[in-house]
Amino acid sequence: MSTPLILGCLWVLAAAATAMLPMRRQMVPGLALLAAAPVLLAWIGWVHGWLWLAIGLFAFLSMFRNPLLYFLRRAMGRPVQVPKELEK
C-alpha cells in the first residue's frame, strides 16, 4: 500500500475519533482535518488517479457537509445557525 493511502486511512480514523468528541472540543481537530484534506486528496489523486480522488472527495464532502455549508453561507453573507452547544 502506498503512503498517501495509509495517510488517508489515518485521516479517516482521526476524523472518526474527532466526531466522538463533545461538540466544543471538535473545533480545533476538525479544522486541522478540514485543512489537511485537500492536500491529502490531491496527493491521492496524483498517485492513484482521478477515480480514487473522486471517491475520497465524495467521502470528504459527506463527512464535512455541515461545516462546509456553514463556511459557504458565511462567505455569501447569508444567515447561519450555530448549534446550541457552541453558543455562549
PDB file of N, CA and C in Angstrom:
ATOM      1  N   MET A   1       0.844  -1.167   0.000  1.00  0.00           N
ATOM      2  CA  MET A   1       0.000   0.000   0.000  1.00  0.00           C
ATOM      3  C   MET A   1       0.899   1.242   0.000  1.00  0.00           C
ATOM      4  N   SER A   2       0.421   2.295  -0.628  1.00  0.00           N
ATOM      5  CA  SER A   2       1.241   3.495  -0.767  1.00  0.00           C
ATOM      6  C   SER A   2       1.056   4.464   0.402  1.00  0.00           C
ATOM      7  N   THR A   3       1.980   5.371   0.532  1.00  0.00           N
ATOM      8  CA  THR A   3       1.968   6.351   1.621  1.00  0.00           C
ATOM      9  C   THR A   3       0.705   7.211   1.621  1.00  0.00           C
ATOM     10  N   PRO A   4       0.241   7.743   0.464  1.00  0.00           N
ATOM     11  CA  PRO A   4      -0.967   8.579   0.527  1.00  0.00           C
ATOM     12  C   PRO A   4      -2.196   7.801   1.008  1.00  0.00           C
ATOM     13  N   LEU A   5      -2.314   6.543   0.647  1.00  0.00           N
ATOM     14  CA  LEU A   5      -3.461   5.763   1.097  1.00  0.00           C
ATOM     15  C   LEU A   5      -3.374   5.451   2.589  1.00  0.00           C
ATOM     16  N   ILE A   6      -2.188   5.189   3.080  1.00  0.00           N
ATOM     17  CA  ILE A   6      -2.017   4.958   4.515  1.00  0.00           C
ATOM     18  C   ILE A   6      -2.381   6.223   5.291  1.00  0.00           C
ATOM     19  N   LEU A   7      -1.890   7.367   4.819  1.00  0.00           N
ATOM     20  CA  LEU A   7      -2.236   8.635   5.476  1.00  0.00           C
ATOM     21  C   LEU A   7      -3.723   8.933   5.354  1.00  0.00           C
ATOM     22  N   GLY A   8      -4.334   8.550   4.238  1.00  0.00           N
ATOM     23  CA  GLY A   8      -5.775   8.716   4.081  1.00  0.00           C
ATOM     24  C   GLY A   8      -6.551   7.884   5.088  1.00  0.00           C
ATOM     25  N   CYS A   9      -6.103   6.660   5.316  1.00  0.00           N
ATOM     26  CA  CYS A   9      -6.744   5.804   6.322  1.00  0.00           C
ATOM     27  C   CYS A   9      -6.585   6.391   7.718  1.00  0.00           C
ATOM     28  N   LEU A  10      -5.409   6.920   8.009  1.00  0.00           N
ATOM     29  CA  LEU A  10      -5.189   7.561   9.308  1.00  0.00           C
ATOM     30  C   LEU A  10      -6.045   8.813   9.458  1.00  0.00           C
ATOM     31  N   TRP A  11      -6.234   9.536   8.369  1.00  0.00           N
ATOM     32  CA  TRP A  11      -7.084  10.720   8.382  1.00  0.00           C
ATOM     33  C   TRP A  11      -8.526  10.325   8.708  1.00  0.00           C
ATOM     34  N   VAL A  12      -9.003   9.244   8.118  1.00  0.00           N
ATOM     35  CA  VAL A  12     -10.367   8.775   8.391  1.00  0.00           C
ATOM     36  C   VAL A  12     -10.514   8.372   9.857  1.00  0.00           C
ATOM     37  N   LEU A  13      -9.522   7.673  10.400  1.00  0.00           N
ATOM     38  CA  LEU A  13      -9.577   7.285  11.806  1.00  0.00           C
ATOM     39  C   LEU A  13      -9.564   8.520  12.717  1.00  0.00           C
ATOM     40  N   ALA A  14      -8.754   9.512  12.367  1.00  0.00           N
ATOM     41  CA  ALA A  14      -8.709  10.745  13.157  1.00  0.00           C
ATOM     42  C   ALA A  14     -10.042  11.493  13.065  1.00  0.00           C
ATOM     43  N   ALA A  15     -10.667  11.487  11.902  1.00  0.00           N
ATOM     44  CA  ALA A  15     -11.961  12.142  11.748  1.00  0.00           C
ATOM     45  C   ALA A  15     -13.036  11.426  12.561  1.00  0.00           C
ATOM     46  N   ALA A  16     -12.998  10.107  12.582  1.00  0.00           N
ATOM     47  CA  ALA A  16     -13.968   9.349  13.379  1.00  0.00           C
ATOM     48  C   ALA A  16     -13.760   9.607  14.873  1.00  0.00           C
ATOM     49  N   ALA A  17     -12.504   9.674  15.307  1.00  0.00           N
ATOM     50  CA  ALA A  17     -12.226   9.961  16.716  1.00  0.00           C
ATOM     51  C   ALA A  17     -12.659  11.382  17.077  1.00  0.00           C
ATOM     52  N   THR A  18     -12.467  12.322  16.170  1.00  0.00           N
ATOM     53  CA  THR A  18     -12.887  13.703  16.400  1.00  0.00           C
ATOM     54  C   THR A  18     -14.401  13.795  16.503  1.00  0.00           C
ATOM     55  N   ALA A  19     -15.104  13.027  15.698  1.00  0.00           N
ATOM     56  CA  ALA A  19     -16.572  13.048  15.736  1.00  0.00           C
ATOM     57  C   ALA A  19     -17.114  12.541  17.063  1.00  0.00           C
ATOM     58  N   MET A  20     -16.348  11.739  17.771  1.00  0.00           N
ATOM     59  CA  MET A  20     -16.799  11.215  19.061  1.00  0.00           C
ATOM     60  C   MET A  20     -16.578  12.198  20.209  1.00  0.00           C
ATOM     61  N   LEU A  21     -15.838  13.251  19.962  1.00  0.00           N
ATOM     62  CA  LEU A  21     -15.595  14.256  20.997  1.00  0.00           C
ATOM     63  C   LEU A  21     -16.836  15.111  21.207  1.00  0.00           C
ATOM     64  N   PRO A  22     -16.960  15.755  22.371  1.00  0.00           N
ATOM     65  CA  PRO A  22     -18.052  16.723  22.552  1.00  0.00           C
ATOM     66  C   PRO A  22     -17.909  17.855  21.530  1.00  0.00           C
ATOM     67  N   MET A  23     -19.031  18.474  21.195  1.00  0.00           N
ATOM     68  CA  MET A  23     -19.061  19.480  20.122  1.00  0.00           C
ATOM     69  C   MET A  23     -18.043  20.601  20.348  1.00  0.00           C
ATOM     70  N   ARG A  24     -17.886  21.073  21.565  1.00  0.00           N
ATOM     71  CA  ARG A  24     -16.946  22.175  21.833  1.00  0.00           C
ATOM     72  C   ARG A  24     -15.495  21.768  21.602  1.00  0.00           C
ATOM     73  N   ARG A  25     -15.185  20.510  21.744  1.00  0.00           N
ATOM     74  CA  ARG A  25     -13.798  20.042  21.583  1.00  0.00           C
ATOM     75  C   ARG A  25     -13.502  19.571  20.158  1.00  0.00           C
ATOM     76  N   GLN A  26     -14.470  19.642  19.274  1.00  0.00           N
ATOM     77  CA  GLN A  26     -14.280  19.203  17.892  1.00  0.00           C
ATOM     78  C   GLN A  26     -13.677  20.282  17.002  1.00  0.00           C
ATOM     79  N   MET A  27     -13.704  21.538  17.434  1.00  0.00           N
ATOM     80  CA  MET A  27     -13.323  22.642  16.558  1.00  0.00           C
ATOM     81  C   MET A  27     -11.878  22.567  16.064  1.00  0.00           C
ATOM     82  N   VAL A  28     -10.934  22.493  16.962  1.00  0.00           N
ATOM     83  CA  VAL A  28      -9.517  22.541  16.570  1.00  0.00           C
ATOM     84  C   VAL A  28      -9.125  21.327  15.727  1.00  0.00           C
ATOM     85  N   PRO A  29      -9.386  20.095  16.187  1.00  0.00           N
ATOM     86  CA  PRO A  29      -9.004  18.969  15.333  1.00  0.00           C
ATOM     87  C   PRO A  29      -9.812  18.916  14.038  1.00  0.00           C
ATOM     88  N   GLY A  30     -11.075  19.360  14.102  1.00  0.00           N
ATOM     89  CA  GLY A  30     -11.897  19.368  12.895  1.00  0.00           C
ATOM     90  C   GLY A  30     -11.369  20.339  11.851  1.00  0.00           C
ATOM     91  N   LEU A  31     -10.955  21.517  12.286  1.00  0.00           N
ATOM     92  CA  LEU A  31     -10.386  22.487  11.344  1.00  0.00           C
ATOM     93  C   LEU A  31      -9.048  22.006  10.784  1.00  0.00           C
ATOM     94  N   ALA A  32      -8.259  21.330  11.612  1.00  0.00           N
ATOM     95  CA  ALA A  32      -6.996  20.761  11.114  1.00  0.00           C
ATOM     96  C   ALA A  32      -7.260  19.689  10.067  1.00  0.00           C
ATOM     97  N   LEU A  33      -8.240  18.856  10.315  1.00  0.00           N
ATOM     98  CA  LEU A  33      -8.589  17.821   9.330  1.00  0.00           C
ATOM     99  C   LEU A  33      -9.150  18.453   8.063  1.00  0.00           C
ATOM    100  N   LEU A  34      -9.954  19.488   8.229  1.00  0.00           N
ATOM    101  CA  LEU A  34     -10.524  20.193   7.084  1.00  0.00           C
ATOM    102  C   LEU A  34      -9.430  20.828   6.226  1.00  0.00           C
ATOM    103  N   ALA A  35      -8.401  21.362   6.857  1.00  0.00           N
ATOM    104  CA  ALA A  35      -7.295  21.986   6.122  1.00  0.00           C
ATOM    105  C   ALA A  35      -6.387  20.949   5.461  1.00  0.00           C
ATOM    106  N   ALA A  36      -6.224  19.798   6.103  1.00  0.00           N
ATOM    107  CA  ALA A  36      -5.332  18.773   5.558  1.00  0.00           C
ATOM    108  C   ALA A  36      -5.960  17.970   4.418  1.00  0.00           C
ATOM    109  N   ALA A  37      -7.275  17.922   4.375  1.00  0.00           N
ATOM    110  CA  ALA A  37      -7.957  17.077   3.401  1.00  0.00           C
ATOM    111  C   ALA A  37      -7.643  17.412   1.938  1.00  0.00           C
ATOM    112  N   PRO A  38      -7.682  18.678   1.513  1.00  0.00           N
ATOM    113  CA  PRO A  38      -7.392  18.946   0.094  1.00  0.00           C
ATOM    114  C   PRO A  38      -5.986  18.503  -0.333  1.00  0.00           C
ATOM    115  N   VAL A  39      -5.010  18.706   0.548  1.00  0.00           N
ATOM    116  CA  VAL A  39      -3.638  18.291   0.223  1.00  0.00           C
ATOM    117  C   VAL A  39      -3.562  16.768   0.094  1.00  0.00           C
ATOM    118  N   LEU A  40      -4.168  16.087   1.035  1.00  0.00           N
ATOM    119  CA  LEU A  40      -4.161  14.628   1.012  1.00  0.00           C
ATOM    120  C   LEU A  40      -4.928  14.091  -0.197  1.00  0.00           C
ATOM    121  N   LEU A  41      -6.068  14.686  -0.506  1.00  0.00           N
ATOM    122  CA  LEU A  41      -6.832  14.243  -1.673  1.00  0.00           C
ATOM    123  C   LEU A  41      -6.071  14.492  -2.976  1.00  0.00           C
ATOM    124  N   ALA A  42      -5.407  15.626  -3.064  1.00  0.00           N
ATOM    125  CA  ALA A  42      -4.615  15.903  -4.266  1.00  0.00           C
ATOM    126  C   ALA A  42      -3.482  14.890  -4.411  1.00  0.00           C
ATOM    127  N   TRP A  43      -2.845  14.541  -3.305  1.00  0.00           N
ATOM    128  CA  TRP A  43      -1.760  13.556  -3.337  1.00  0.00           C
ATOM    129  C   TRP A  43      -2.282  12.187  -3.770  1.00  0.00           C
ATOM    130  N   ILE A  44      -3.415  11.784  -3.215  1.00  0.00           N
ATOM    131  CA  ILE A  44      -4.018  10.503  -3.601  1.00  0.00           C
ATOM    132  C   ILE A  44      -4.385  10.529  -5.081  1.00  0.00           C
ATOM    133  N   GLY A  45      -4.970  11.629  -5.554  1.00  0.00           N
ATOM    134  CA  GLY A  45      -5.316  11.752  -6.973  1.00  0.00           C
ATOM    135  C   GLY A  45      -4.099  11.724  -7.868  1.00  0.00           C
ATOM    136  N   TRP A  46      -3.020  12.360  -7.452  1.00  0.00           N
ATOM    137  CA  TRP A  46      -1.791  12.384  -8.248  1.00  0.00           C
ATOM    138  C   TRP A  46      -1.181  10.988  -8.387  1.00  0.00           C
ATOM    139  N   VAL A  47      -1.169  10.244  -7.292  1.00  0.00           N
ATOM    140  CA  VAL A  47      -0.521   8.931  -7.293  1.00  0.00           C
ATOM    141  C   VAL A  47      -1.412   7.845  -7.881  1.00  0.00           C
ATOM    142  N   HIS A  48      -2.731   7.888  -7.563  1.00  0.00           N
ATOM    143  CA  HIS A  48      -3.602   6.766  -7.913  1.00  0.00           C
ATOM    144  C   HIS A  48      -4.653   7.073  -8.966  1.00  0.00           C
ATOM    145  N   GLY A  49      -4.790   8.321  -9.381  1.00  0.00           N
ATOM    146  CA  GLY A  49      -5.724   8.652 -10.455  1.00  0.00           C
ATOM    147  C   GLY A  49      -7.002   9.307  -9.972  1.00  0.00           C
ATOM    148  N   TRP A  50      -7.761   9.767 -10.959  1.00  0.00           N
ATOM    149  CA  TRP A  50      -8.948  10.558 -10.677  1.00  0.00           C
ATOM    150  C   TRP A  50     -10.060   9.762 -10.007  1.00  0.00           C
ATOM    151  N   LEU A  51     -10.154   8.461 -10.254  1.00  0.00           N
ATOM    152  CA  LEU A  51     -11.216   7.661  -9.657  1.00  0.00           C
ATOM    153  C   LEU A  51     -11.085   7.639  -8.132  1.00  0.00           C
ATOM    154  N   TRP A  52      -9.884   7.422  -7.630  1.00  0.00           N
ATOM    155  CA  TRP A  52      -9.675   7.407  -6.186  1.00  0.00           C
ATOM    156  C   TRP A  52      -9.804   8.803  -5.601  1.00  0.00           C
ATOM    157  N   LEU A  53      -9.442   9.805  -6.383  1.00  0.00           N
ATOM    158  CA  LEU A  53      -9.661  11.186  -5.953  1.00  0.00           C
ATOM    159  C   LEU A  53     -11.153  11.448  -5.805  1.00  0.00           C
ATOM    160  N   ALA A  54     -11.952  11.016  -6.761  1.00  0.00           N
ATOM    161  CA  ALA A  54     -13.403  11.220  -6.705  1.00  0.00           C
ATOM    162  C   ALA A  54     -14.017  10.486  -5.515  1.00  0.00           C
ATOM    163  N   ILE A  55     -13.588   9.262  -5.255  1.00  0.00           N
ATOM    164  CA  ILE A  55     -14.103   8.503  -4.112  1.00  0.00           C
ATOM    165  C   ILE A  55     -13.760   9.221  -2.809  1.00  0.00           C
ATOM    166  N   GLY A  56     -12.522   9.670  -2.684  1.00  0.00           N
ATOM    167  CA  GLY A  56     -12.113  10.402  -1.485  1.00  0.00           C
ATOM    168  C   GLY A  56     -12.846  11.724  -1.344  1.00  0.00           C
ATOM    169  N   LEU A  57     -13.063  12.404  -2.450  1.00  0.00           N
ATOM    170  CA  LEU A  57     -13.768  13.682  -2.411  1.00  0.00           C
ATOM    171  C   LEU A  57     -15.215  13.495  -1.971  1.00  0.00           C
ATOM    172  N   PHE A  58     -15.879  12.471  -2.472  1.00  0.00           N
ATOM    173  CA  PHE A  58     -17.253  12.200  -2.053  1.00  0.00           C
ATOM    174  C   PHE A  58     -17.312  11.875  -0.560  1.00  0.00           C
ATOM    175  N   ALA A  59     -16.363  11.096  -0.079  1.00  0.00           N
ATOM    176  CA  ALA A  59     -16.322  10.766   1.350  1.00  0.00           C
ATOM    177  C   ALA A  59     -16.069  12.026   2.175  1.00  0.00           C
ATOM    178  N   PHE A  60     -15.138  12.860   1.737  1.00  0.00           N
ATOM    179  CA  PHE A  60     -14.826  14.106   2.441  1.00  0.00           C
ATOM    180  C   PHE A  60     -16.038  15.031   2.498  1.00  0.00           C
ATOM    181  N   LEU A  61     -16.721  15.206   1.370  1.00  0.00           N
ATOM    182  CA  LEU A  61     -17.894  16.074   1.342  1.00  0.00           C
ATOM    183  C   LEU A  61     -19.018  15.521   2.202  1.00  0.00           C
ATOM    184  N   SER A  62     -19.134  14.220   2.269  1.00  0.00           N
ATOM    185  CA  SER A  62     -20.150  13.610   3.114  1.00  0.00           C
ATOM    186  C   SER A  62     -19.866  13.850   4.596  1.00  0.00           C
ATOM    187  N   MET A  63     -18.596  13.720   4.980  1.00  0.00           N
ATOM    188  CA  MET A  63     -18.224  13.874   6.389  1.00  0.00           C
ATOM    189  C   MET A  63     -18.255  15.332   6.845  1.00  0.00           C
ATOM    190  N   PHE A  64     -17.915  16.262   5.963  1.00  0.00           N
ATOM    191  CA  PHE A  64     -17.780  17.665   6.339  1.00  0.00           C
ATOM    192  C   PHE A  64     -18.851  18.546   5.688  1.00  0.00           C
ATOM    193  N   ARG A  65     -20.020  17.983   5.372  1.00  0.00           N
ATOM    194  CA  ARG A  65     -21.045  18.769   4.684  1.00  0.00           C
ATOM    195  C   ARG A  65     -21.537  19.941   5.531  1.00  0.00           C
ATOM    196  N   ASN A  66     -21.753  19.744   6.824  1.00  0.00           N
ATOM    197  CA  ASN A  66     -22.264  20.840   7.653  1.00  0.00           C
ATOM    198  C   ASN A  66     -21.241  21.961   7.838  1.00  0.00           C
ATOM    199  N   PRO A  67     -19.976  21.675   8.173  1.00  0.00           N
ATOM    200  CA  PRO A  67     -19.017  22.794   8.268  1.00  0.00           C
ATOM    201  C   PRO A  67     -18.804  23.505   6.923  1.00  0.00           C
ATOM    202  N   LEU A  68     -18.798  22.756   5.824  1.00  0.00           N
ATOM    203  CA  LEU A  68     -18.616  23.391   4.523  1.00  0.00           C
ATOM    204  C   LEU A  68     -19.810  24.269   4.162  1.00  0.00           C
ATOM    205  N   LEU A  69     -21.030  23.819   4.474  1.00  0.00           N
ATOM    206  CA  LEU A  69     -22.212  24.655   4.237  1.00  0.00           C
ATOM    207  C   LEU A  69     -22.184  25.901   5.115  1.00  0.00           C
ATOM    208  N   TYR A  70     -21.720  25.768   6.348  1.00  0.00           N
ATOM    209  CA  TYR A  70     -21.596  26.916   7.245  1.00  0.00           C
ATOM    210  C   TYR A  70     -20.650  27.960   6.648  1.00  0.00           C
ATOM    211  N   PHE A  71     -19.462  27.519   6.225  1.00  0.00           N
ATOM    212  CA  PHE A  71     -18.488  28.463   5.660  1.00  0.00           C
ATOM    213  C   PHE A  71     -18.993  29.058   4.341  1.00  0.00           C
ATOM    214  N   LEU A  72     -19.708  28.279   3.533  1.00  0.00           N
ATOM    215  CA  LEU A  72     -20.267  28.787   2.279  1.00  0.00           C
ATOM    216  C   LEU A  72     -21.314  29.858   2.556  1.00  0.00           C
ATOM    217  N   ARG A  73     -22.193  29.610   3.519  1.00  0.00           N
ATOM    218  CA  ARG A  73     -23.220  30.597   3.866  1.00  0.00           C
ATOM    219  C   ARG A  73     -22.598  31.869   4.425  1.00  0.00           C
ATOM    220  N   ARG A  74     -21.573  31.722   5.257  1.00  0.00           N
ATOM    221  CA  ARG A  74     -20.898  32.915   5.795  1.00  0.00           C
ATOM    222  C   ARG A  74     -20.233  33.707   4.678  1.00  0.00           C
ATOM    223  N   ALA A  75     -19.616  33.007   3.725  1.00  0.00           N
ATOM    224  CA  ALA A  75     -18.941  33.692   2.621  1.00  0.00           C
ATOM    225  C   ALA A  75     -19.940  34.428   1.731  1.00  0.00           C
ATOM    226  N   MET A  76     -21.150  33.890   1.610  1.00  0.00           N
ATOM    227  CA  MET A  76     -22.169  34.512   0.762  1.00  0.00           C
ATOM    228  C   MET A  76     -22.975  35.571   1.505  1.00  0.00           C
ATOM    229  N   GLY A  77     -22.714  35.744   2.814  1.00  0.00           N
ATOM    230  CA  GLY A  77     -23.421  36.750   3.584  1.00  0.00           C
ATOM    231  C   GLY A  77     -24.808  36.323   4.032  1.00  0.00           C
ATOM    232  N   ARG A  78     -25.094  35.053   3.965  1.00  0.00           N
ATOM    233  CA  ARG A  78     -26.393  34.535   4.390  1.00  0.00           C
ATOM    234  C   ARG A  78     -26.375  34.258   5.890  1.00  0.00           C
ATOM    235  N   PRO A  79     -27.567  34.236   6.506  1.00  0.00           N
ATOM    236  CA  PRO A  79     -27.608  33.918   7.945  1.00  0.00           C
ATOM    237  C   PRO A  79     -27.213  32.460   8.195  1.00  0.00           C
ATOM    238  N   VAL A  80     -26.537  32.241   9.301  1.00  0.00           N
ATOM    239  CA  VAL A  80     -26.087  30.889   9.654  1.00  0.00           C
ATOM    240  C   VAL A  80     -26.652  30.513  11.018  1.00  0.00           C
ATOM    241  N   GLN A  81     -26.821  29.221  11.219  1.00  0.00           N
ATOM    242  CA  GLN A  81     -27.277  28.716  12.504  1.00  0.00           C
ATOM    243  C   GLN A  81     -26.109  28.024  13.184  1.00  0.00           C
ATOM    244  N   VAL A  82     -25.850  28.436  14.406  1.00  0.00           N
ATOM    245  CA  VAL A  82     -24.797  27.822  15.194  1.00  0.00           C
ATOM    246  C   VAL A  82     -25.460  26.811  16.131  1.00  0.00           C
ATOM    247  N   PRO A  83     -24.907  25.597  16.261  1.00  0.00           N
ATOM    248  CA  PRO A  83     -25.500  24.636  17.190  1.00  0.00           C
ATOM    249  C   PRO A  83     -25.550  25.197  18.611  1.00  0.00           C
ATOM    250  N   LYS A  84     -26.564  24.785  19.364  1.00  0.00           N
ATOM    251  CA  LYS A  84     -26.743  25.302  20.710  1.00  0.00           C
ATOM    252  C   LYS A  84     -25.551  25.008  21.599  1.00  0.00           C
ATOM    253  N   GLU A  85     -24.847  23.904  21.342  1.00  0.00           N
ATOM    254  CA  GLU A  85     -23.681  23.547  22.147  1.00  0.00           C
ATOM    255  C   GLU A  85     -22.548  24.553  22.000  1.00  0.00           C
ATOM    256  N   LEU A  86     -22.521  25.260  20.870  1.00  0.00           N
ATOM    257  CA  LEU A  86     -21.438  26.213  20.621  1.00  0.00           C
ATOM    258  C   LEU A  86     -21.805  27.642  20.974  1.00  0.00           C
ATOM    259  N   GLU A  87     -23.072  27.895  21.261  1.00  0.00           N
ATOM    260  CA  GLU A  87     -23.481  29.251  21.635  1.00  0.00           C
ATOM    261  C   GLU A  87     -22.964  29.579  23.022  1.00  0.00           C
ATOM    262  N   LYS A  88     -22.616  30.827  23.243  1.00  0.00           N
ATOM    263  CA  LYS A  88     -22.118  31.236  24.559  1.00  0.00           C
ATOM    264  C   LYS A  88     -23.116  32.096  25.253  1.00  0.00           C
TER     265      LYS A  88
END
